[in-house]
Each structure stands twice: as C-alpha cells, then as structure tokens.
C-alpha cells in the first residue's frame, strides 16, 4: 500500500470509529424505542465497516 492509501485508510478508520461512538451514545439517550433500535443498527453497521477497514491492514 502506498502512503496515500494508508492515509485514506487511517482517515476512514477515524470516521467509522467516530460514527460508531456517536451511534452508541445516541442510542442510549433516546427514549423512543424504535428510533433507538434504528440507531443501534447504525452502530452495528459502522462497527462492521471499522472491522473491514482494520482487516485491510
């Protein structure tokens, strides 16, 4: 991998980690069960994407 590609992966990891953290915190604060479940699904999606990027390394 080139240094430019590694910078892209590092940036993508940061974004996915941020989205995972935000989704987790938000789902805990929501009182609407349906909305909270949806945000938990988003957390799972971002966790999966984070893991896929980590597997590239």
Protein backbone atom coordinates (compact mmCIF):
# COMPACT_ATOMS: atom_id res chain seq x y z
CA UNK A 1 0.00 0.00 0.00
CA UNK A 2 1.21 3.46 -0.80
CA UNK A 3 1.46 6.15 1.85
CA UNK A 4 -1.50 7.94 0.27
CA UNK A 5 -3.62 4.78 0.51
CA UNK A 6 -2.61 4.31 4.14
CA UNK A 7 -3.66 7.89 4.89
CA UNK A 8 -7.04 7.16 3.31
CA UNK A 9 -7.48 4.03 5.43
CA UNK A 10 -6.42 5.91 8.57
CA UNK A 11 -8.94 8.67 7.80
CA UNK A 12 -11.69 6.13 7.13
CA UNK A 13 -10.92 4.34 10.41
CA UNK A 14 -11.24 7.61 12.28
CA UNK A 15 -14.57 8.41 10.66
CA UNK A 16 -16.00 4.95 11.31
CA UNK A 17 -14.84 4.98 14.94
CA UNK A 18 -16.43 8.41 15.41
CA UNK A 19 -19.73 7.26 13.89
CA UNK A 20 -19.69 4.07 15.97
CA UNK A 21 -19.15 6.06 19.18
CA UNK A 22 -21.81 8.65 18.32
CA UNK A 23 -24.34 5.95 17.44
CA UNK A 24 -23.70 4.10 20.68
CA UNK A 25 -24.04 7.21 22.84
CA UNK A 26 -27.12 8.42 20.97
CA UNK A 27 -28.98 5.11 21.18
CA UNK A 28 -28.57 5.14 24.96
CA UNK A 29 -30.06 8.62 25.23
CA UNK A 30 -33.13 8.06 23.07
CA UNK A 31 -36.45 7.32 24.76
CA UNK A 32 -38.19 6.27 21.52
CA UNK A 33 -37.59 2.52 21.32
CA UNK A 34 -37.99 2.28 17.56
CA UNK A 35 -35.57 5.13 16.91
CA UNK A 36 -33.12 3.74 19.46
CA UNK A 37 -33.17 0.36 17.71
CA UNK A 38 -32.51 2.01 14.36
CA UNK A 39 -29.52 3.90 15.76
CA UNK A 40 -28.22 0.62 17.26
CA UNK A 41 -28.39 -0.87 13.76
CA UNK A 42 -26.31 2.06 12.53
CA UNK A 43 -23.80 1.34 15.28
CA UNK A 44 -23.57 -2.26 14.08
CA UNK A 45 -23.09 -1.10 10.50
CA UNK A 46 -20.26 1.23 11.49
CA UNK A 47 -18.67 -1.46 13.66
CA UNK A 48 -18.68 -3.81 10.67
CA UNK A 49 -17.18 -1.14 8.41
CA UNK A 50 -14.49 -0.40 11.02
CA UNK A 51 -13.61 -4.09 11.17
CA UNK A 52 -13.42 -4.31 7.37
CA UNK A 53 -11.00 -1.38 7.24
CA UNK A 54 -8.91 -2.91 10.04
CA UNK A 55 -8.71 -6.16 8.08
CA UNK A 56 -7.14 -4.25 5.18
CA UNK A 57 -4.13 -3.66 7.38
